Amino acid sequence: MKLKEKLKEEGYSRFRGAVDASVYEYFNCDRSWKAEWYLKEDHFRCCGCKERCETSDPEGFQLFLDLG
C-alpha cells in the first residue's frame, strides 16, 4: 500500500495551504517542490520523498481561507 493511501485510511487529509520555506530549512529538505503534506488534527506528515518528515509544530503552515 502506498503511503498516501495509508495516511488517508488513518484519517489524514491533504494539507491545502502554504508551507513556509523555514519548514523545509528545519528538515534540511532540498526537494521542497516534491512535498505533499497531510494533516490530522495538529500533526503534519510529508510523503514527498523517502525521508517522510513529520511534525506537530504548526509554525510555518498557513491554511487558506475559504471565502466562497
N, C-alpha and C. Protein backbone atom coordinates (compact mmCIF):
# COMPACT_ATOMS: atom_id res chain seq x y z
N MET A 1 0.85 -1.18 0.00
CA MET A 1 0.00 0.00 0.00
C MET A 1 0.89 1.24 0.00
N LYS A 2 0.54 2.21 -0.81
CA LYS A 2 1.30 3.45 -0.87
C LYS A 2 1.05 4.29 0.38
N LEU A 3 2.03 5.10 0.73
CA LEU A 3 1.93 5.91 1.94
C LEU A 3 0.73 6.85 1.89
N LYS A 4 0.46 7.47 0.75
CA LYS A 4 -0.68 8.40 0.65
C LYS A 4 -1.98 7.69 0.99
N GLU A 5 -2.16 6.49 0.47
CA GLU A 5 -3.38 5.73 0.75
C GLU A 5 -3.46 5.36 2.23
N LYS A 6 -2.31 4.98 2.81
CA LYS A 6 -2.27 4.62 4.22
C LYS A 6 -2.63 5.83 5.10
N LEU A 7 -2.09 6.99 4.76
CA LEU A 7 -2.39 8.20 5.54
C LEU A 7 -3.88 8.52 5.48
N LYS A 8 -4.48 8.40 4.31
CA LYS A 8 -5.91 8.66 4.17
C LYS A 8 -6.72 7.68 5.00
N GLU A 9 -6.31 6.42 5.03
CA GLU A 9 -7.00 5.41 5.85
C GLU A 9 -6.90 5.75 7.33
N GLU A 10 -5.77 6.35 7.73
CA GLU A 10 -5.55 6.71 9.13
C GLU A 10 -6.23 8.01 9.52
N GLY A 11 -6.93 8.65 8.57
CA GLY A 11 -7.68 9.86 8.88
C GLY A 11 -6.98 11.15 8.50
N TYR A 12 -5.85 11.07 7.83
CA TYR A 12 -5.16 12.28 7.37
C TYR A 12 -5.84 12.80 6.11
N SER A 13 -5.78 14.12 5.93
CA SER A 13 -6.26 14.72 4.69
C SER A 13 -5.16 15.61 4.13
N ARG A 14 -5.21 15.84 2.84
CA ARG A 14 -4.18 16.63 2.17
C ARG A 14 -4.20 18.05 2.73
N PHE A 15 -3.04 18.56 3.11
CA PHE A 15 -2.94 19.93 3.61
C PHE A 15 -3.00 20.87 2.42
N ARG A 16 -4.00 21.72 2.40
CA ARG A 16 -4.20 22.65 1.30
C ARG A 16 -3.94 24.07 1.79
N GLY A 17 -2.68 24.38 1.92
CA GLY A 17 -2.28 25.69 2.39
C GLY A 17 -0.86 25.98 1.97
N ALA A 18 -0.31 27.02 2.54
CA ALA A 18 1.06 27.42 2.23
C ALA A 18 2.01 26.87 3.29
N VAL A 19 3.15 26.39 2.83
CA VAL A 19 4.19 25.91 3.73
C VAL A 19 5.39 26.84 3.56
N ASP A 20 5.77 27.47 4.65
CA ASP A 20 6.87 28.44 4.62
C ASP A 20 8.21 27.75 4.37
N ALA A 21 9.12 28.47 3.78
CA ALA A 21 10.46 27.94 3.49
C ALA A 21 11.18 27.50 4.76
N SER A 22 10.85 28.10 5.90
CA SER A 22 11.51 27.75 7.17
C SER A 22 11.26 26.29 7.55
N VAL A 23 10.11 25.74 7.14
CA VAL A 23 9.80 24.33 7.42
C VAL A 23 10.81 23.44 6.69
N TYR A 24 11.05 23.76 5.43
CA TYR A 24 11.99 22.96 4.64
C TYR A 24 13.43 23.15 5.12
N GLU A 25 13.74 24.35 5.59
CA GLU A 25 15.07 24.58 6.16
C GLU A 25 15.26 23.75 7.42
N TYR A 26 14.23 23.69 8.26
CA TYR A 26 14.30 22.92 9.50
C TYR A 26 14.59 21.44 9.21
N PHE A 27 13.93 20.90 8.19
CA PHE A 27 14.13 19.50 7.83
C PHE A 27 15.32 19.30 6.89
N ASN A 28 16.01 20.39 6.56
CA ASN A 28 17.15 20.33 5.64
C ASN A 28 16.73 19.67 4.32
N CYS A 29 15.58 20.09 3.82
CA CYS A 29 14.97 19.49 2.63
C CYS A 29 15.45 20.21 1.37
N ASP A 30 15.95 19.44 0.43
CA ASP A 30 16.35 20.03 -0.84
C ASP A 30 15.42 19.59 -1.97
N ARG A 31 14.27 19.03 -1.61
CA ARG A 31 13.27 18.60 -2.60
C ARG A 31 11.89 19.17 -2.27
N SER A 32 11.84 20.42 -1.87
CA SER A 32 10.57 21.01 -1.44
C SER A 32 9.53 21.02 -2.56
N TRP A 33 9.95 21.01 -3.79
CA TRP A 33 9.00 21.00 -4.91
C TRP A 33 8.23 19.68 -4.98
N LYS A 34 8.73 18.64 -4.33
CA LYS A 34 8.06 17.34 -4.34
C LYS A 34 7.16 17.14 -3.12
N ALA A 35 7.18 18.08 -2.19
CA ALA A 35 6.48 17.91 -0.92
C ALA A 35 4.98 17.76 -1.11
N GLU A 36 4.40 16.81 -0.38
CA GLU A 36 2.96 16.62 -0.30
C GLU A 36 2.64 16.42 1.18
N TRP A 37 2.10 17.46 1.79
CA TRP A 37 1.83 17.43 3.23
C TRP A 37 0.42 16.95 3.50
N TYR A 38 0.28 16.16 4.56
CA TYR A 38 -1.01 15.67 5.03
C TYR A 38 -1.17 16.07 6.48
N LEU A 39 -2.42 16.29 6.89
CA LEU A 39 -2.72 16.81 8.22
C LEU A 39 -3.80 15.96 8.89
N LYS A 40 -3.57 15.68 10.18
CA LYS A 40 -4.57 15.02 11.02
C LYS A 40 -4.49 15.70 12.38
N GLU A 41 -5.58 16.35 12.77
CA GLU A 41 -5.60 17.17 13.98
C GLU A 41 -4.46 18.17 13.89
N ASP A 42 -3.46 18.09 14.74
CA ASP A 42 -2.33 19.03 14.68
C ASP A 42 -1.04 18.33 14.31
N HIS A 43 -1.13 17.29 13.50
CA HIS A 43 0.05 16.53 13.12
C HIS A 43 0.23 16.59 11.60
N PHE A 44 1.38 17.06 11.17
CA PHE A 44 1.68 17.20 9.75
C PHE A 44 2.66 16.12 9.32
N ARG A 45 2.39 15.48 8.18
CA ARG A 45 3.30 14.46 7.64
C ARG A 45 3.49 14.72 6.15
N CYS A 46 4.72 14.58 5.71
CA CYS A 46 5.05 14.78 4.29
C CYS A 46 5.37 13.43 3.66
N CYS A 47 4.89 13.23 2.46
CA CYS A 47 5.22 11.99 1.75
C CYS A 47 5.77 12.32 0.36
N GLY A 48 6.55 13.39 0.28
CA GLY A 48 7.11 13.81 -0.99
C GLY A 48 8.40 13.10 -1.37
N CYS A 49 9.08 12.51 -0.40
CA CYS A 49 10.31 11.76 -0.68
C CYS A 49 10.47 10.66 0.36
N LYS A 50 11.58 9.97 0.32
CA LYS A 50 11.78 8.83 1.22
C LYS A 50 12.00 9.21 2.68
N GLU A 51 12.27 10.48 2.97
CA GLU A 51 12.53 10.92 4.35
C GLU A 51 11.28 10.87 5.23
N ARG A 52 10.10 11.10 4.65
CA ARG A 52 8.83 11.04 5.38
C ARG A 52 8.82 11.94 6.62
N CYS A 53 9.10 13.21 6.43
CA CYS A 53 9.18 14.16 7.54
C CYS A 53 7.82 14.33 8.21
N GLU A 54 7.85 14.62 9.51
CA GLU A 54 6.62 14.87 10.24
C GLU A 54 6.88 15.80 11.41
N THR A 55 5.84 16.55 11.78
CA THR A 55 5.96 17.49 12.88
C THR A 55 4.58 17.77 13.47
N SER A 56 4.58 18.17 14.73
CA SER A 56 3.35 18.61 15.39
C SER A 56 3.37 20.12 15.60
N ASP A 57 4.41 20.77 15.13
CA ASP A 57 4.55 22.22 15.27
C ASP A 57 3.87 22.91 14.09
N PRO A 58 2.81 23.68 14.33
CA PRO A 58 2.09 24.32 13.22
C PRO A 58 2.80 25.55 12.65
N GLU A 59 3.91 25.96 13.26
CA GLU A 59 4.61 27.14 12.77
C GLU A 59 5.13 26.88 11.35
N GLY A 60 4.80 27.78 10.45
CA GLY A 60 5.22 27.65 9.06
C GLY A 60 4.16 27.06 8.15
N PHE A 61 3.04 26.61 8.74
CA PHE A 61 1.93 26.06 7.96
C PHE A 61 0.77 27.05 8.03
N GLN A 62 0.32 27.53 6.89
CA GLN A 62 -0.77 28.50 6.87
C GLN A 62 -1.89 27.99 5.98
N LEU A 63 -3.07 27.80 6.58
CA LEU A 63 -4.24 27.36 5.82
C LEU A 63 -4.80 28.51 5.00
N PHE A 64 -5.34 28.19 3.84
CA PHE A 64 -6.03 29.18 3.03
C PHE A 64 -7.47 29.28 3.53
N LEU A 65 -8.00 30.47 3.58
CA LEU A 65 -9.39 30.66 3.99
C LEU A 65 -10.31 30.44 2.80
N ASP A 66 -11.40 29.74 3.04
CA ASP A 66 -12.40 29.52 2.00
C ASP A 66 -13.42 30.66 2.09
N LEU A 67 -13.32 31.60 1.18
CA LEU A 67 -14.21 32.76 1.20
C LEU A 67 -15.40 32.60 0.28
N GLY A 68 -15.55 31.41 -0.29
CA GLY A 68 -16.63 31.17 -1.25
C GLY A 68 -17.83 30.73 -0.63
